[in-house]
Amino acid sequence: MPRELSNEECEALLARHRVGRIAVRDVEGAYIVPMSYVFEDGVLHAHTSPGHKLQLLRRWPHVAFQADEVEEAGRWRSVLVRGRFRELTDPDEQAHTRLVLVRAFGGNPVAVTAPHGHRTTLADAIVFRIEPETVTGRAEGM
C-alpha cells in the first residue's frame, strides 16, 4: 500500500537526482519529456534550447514535473511538483542558475542539443526555473 512522503523526503529525492520528466499542456492534450535539472533553493533550475517544449512553456507556464526512484515493482518512490515555469531574463538570475547547473554537473559546461542536432553550450541556452506551488510524494515498499 503506497504511503505519503514527507516534505523532507520529497525534497531529498528531488535533490538526489538530475533527470525527471516535465509535462506541459499541448493543443492535443499534454506533452511530456525528460529534463535534466537541479533542485536547489526550493526551485528546479533547468535549461533548454529553442523548440517545441519552450514554445509550450511560454504559452502555458503551469507545469507538472515528476522524479522517481524505482528499485523494482512494489519498491518505488515518486515526487510530483506542480508549479510555474519562469524563463530567466535578469542577467544575475541567469548567471546564478547557470552556476547551479554547472556545479551540479561536475563543473563542466552542460551541452544542449538544439533542433536538427546542433550542439551549443549552457552559456547560449535558455535558462529557467520551475517554482513549485505544490510538492507531493508517494512510496511503496521503501
Protein backbone atom coordinates (compact mmCIF):
# COMPACT_ATOMS: atom_id res chain seq x y z
CA MET A 1 0.00 0.00 0.00
CA PRO A 2 1.56 3.36 -1.01
CA ARG A 3 2.37 5.86 1.72
CA GLU A 4 2.69 9.64 1.57
CA LEU A 5 6.22 11.07 1.59
CA SER A 6 7.02 13.91 3.95
CA ASN A 7 8.08 17.27 2.54
CA GLU A 8 11.66 16.49 3.64
CA GLU A 9 11.59 13.13 1.82
CA CYS A 10 10.25 14.81 -1.34
CA GLU A 11 12.96 17.48 -1.29
CA ALA A 12 15.68 14.88 -0.63
CA LEU A 13 14.56 12.80 -3.63
CA LEU A 14 14.49 15.86 -5.87
CA ALA A 15 17.97 16.87 -4.67
CA ARG A 16 19.43 13.37 -5.31
CA HIS A 17 18.50 13.21 -8.97
CA ARG A 18 19.35 15.14 -12.11
CA VAL A 19 16.74 13.86 -14.58
CA GLY A 20 12.96 13.85 -14.36
CA ARG A 21 10.00 14.42 -16.65
CA ILE A 22 8.24 17.70 -17.33
CA ALA A 23 4.65 17.83 -18.51
CA VAL A 24 3.15 20.89 -20.13
CA ARG A 25 -0.16 21.48 -21.84
CA ASP A 26 -0.28 20.96 -25.59
CA VAL A 27 -3.02 21.58 -28.14
CA GLU A 28 -3.64 17.84 -28.29
CA GLY A 29 -3.51 17.35 -24.50
CA ALA A 30 -0.17 17.01 -22.71
CA TYR A 31 3.47 16.98 -23.78
CA ILE A 32 5.86 15.04 -21.51
CA VAL A 33 9.62 14.88 -22.00
CA PRO A 34 12.70 14.05 -19.93
CA MET A 35 14.52 17.06 -18.50
CA SER A 36 17.79 17.48 -16.65
CA TYR A 37 17.51 19.73 -13.62
CA VAL A 38 18.92 20.71 -10.25
CA PHE A 39 16.75 21.19 -7.17
CA GLU A 40 18.25 23.96 -5.07
CA ASP A 41 16.92 26.99 -3.19
CA GLY A 42 13.45 25.39 -3.22
CA VAL A 43 13.13 25.56 -7.03
CA LEU A 44 14.00 23.43 -10.04
CA HIS A 45 16.77 25.00 -12.13
CA ALA A 46 16.92 23.90 -15.77
CA HIS A 47 17.90 24.82 -19.31
CA THR A 48 16.61 24.29 -22.80
CA SER A 49 17.17 25.33 -26.38
CA PRO A 50 14.54 26.88 -28.66
CA GLY A 51 11.97 24.35 -29.79
CA HIS A 52 8.56 22.84 -29.18
CA LYS A 53 8.95 22.47 -25.40
CA LEU A 54 9.96 26.10 -24.95
CA GLN A 55 7.07 27.31 -27.13
CA LEU A 56 4.62 25.34 -25.00
CA LEU A 57 6.16 26.51 -21.71
CA ARG A 58 5.91 30.13 -22.77
CA ARG A 59 2.28 29.69 -23.82
CA TRP A 60 1.16 27.54 -20.86
CA PRO A 61 3.52 28.14 -17.91
CA HIS A 62 1.69 25.86 -15.45
CA VAL A 63 3.60 22.58 -15.47
CA ALA A 64 3.96 19.28 -13.69
CA PHE A 65 7.32 17.67 -13.01
CA GLN A 66 8.00 14.14 -11.78
CA ALA A 67 11.12 12.48 -10.45
CA ASP A 68 11.20 8.96 -9.08
CA GLU A 69 13.25 6.04 -7.88
CA VAL A 70 12.26 2.53 -8.88
CA GLU A 71 14.11 -0.46 -7.50
CA GLU A 72 11.55 -3.00 -8.71
CA ALA A 73 7.80 -3.42 -8.94
CA GLY A 74 6.45 -2.72 -5.48
CA ARG A 75 9.59 -0.78 -4.35
CA TRP A 76 9.49 2.81 -5.56
CA ARG A 77 9.31 6.49 -4.55
CA SER A 78 7.86 9.25 -6.69
CA VAL A 79 7.60 13.03 -6.30
CA LEU A 80 5.22 15.27 -8.23
CA VAL A 81 5.84 19.00 -8.42
CA ARG A 82 3.10 21.24 -9.73
CA GLY A 83 4.33 24.71 -10.41
CA ARG A 84 5.06 27.51 -12.77
CA PHE A 85 7.69 27.87 -15.48
CA ARG A 86 9.63 31.13 -15.26
CA GLU A 87 12.10 31.97 -18.00
CA LEU A 88 15.00 33.92 -16.57
CA THR A 89 15.72 37.24 -18.23
CA ASP A 90 17.54 39.04 -15.42
CA PRO A 91 21.32 38.63 -16.01
CA ASP A 92 22.02 37.97 -12.30
CA GLU A 93 19.33 35.27 -12.10
CA GLN A 94 20.59 33.72 -15.34
CA ALA A 95 24.16 33.65 -14.03
CA HIS A 96 23.04 32.10 -10.73
CA THR A 97 21.09 29.30 -12.42
CA ARG A 98 23.93 28.62 -14.88
CA LEU A 99 26.34 28.36 -11.93
CA VAL A 100 23.98 25.98 -10.09
CA LEU A 101 23.75 23.78 -13.20
CA VAL A 102 27.48 23.75 -13.94
CA ARG A 103 28.34 22.99 -10.31
CA ALA A 104 25.81 20.13 -10.14
CA PHE A 105 27.01 18.55 -13.37
CA GLY A 106 30.63 18.21 -12.26
CA GLY A 107 31.91 21.67 -13.11
CA ASN A 108 31.71 21.02 -16.83
CA PRO A 109 29.62 23.17 -19.14
CA VAL A 110 26.36 21.39 -19.83
CA ALA A 111 25.89 20.75 -23.53
CA VAL A 112 22.48 21.31 -25.03
CA THR A 113 21.29 19.65 -28.22
CA ALA A 114 19.22 22.06 -30.24
CA PRO A 115 16.84 21.20 -33.09
CA HIS A 116 18.50 19.50 -36.07
CA GLY A 117 21.29 18.13 -33.84
CA HIS A 118 23.13 21.45 -33.43
CA ARG A 119 25.08 21.46 -30.14
CA THR A 120 25.51 24.59 -28.07
CA THR A 121 26.84 25.43 -24.62
CA LEU A 122 24.99 26.32 -21.46
CA ALA A 123 26.08 29.93 -21.98
CA ASP A 124 23.83 30.01 -25.07
CA ALA A 125 20.96 28.02 -23.56
CA ILE A 126 17.72 29.46 -22.28
CA VAL A 127 17.68 29.02 -18.51
CA PHE A 128 14.54 28.79 -16.43
CA ARG A 129 13.13 27.77 -13.10
CA ILE A 130 10.10 25.82 -12.09
CA GLU A 131 8.70 27.46 -8.99
CA PRO A 132 6.75 24.83 -7.03
CA GLU A 133 3.19 25.52 -5.95
CA THR A 134 2.67 22.02 -4.53
CA VAL A 135 5.07 19.14 -3.93
CA THR A 136 3.70 15.70 -3.11
CA GLY A 137 5.18 12.25 -3.00
CA ARG A 138 4.34 8.62 -2.51
CA ALA A 139 6.33 5.49 -1.88
CA GLU A 140 5.70 1.78 -1.79
CA GLY A 141 7.91 -0.81 -0.16
CA MET A 142 10.57 1.75 0.74
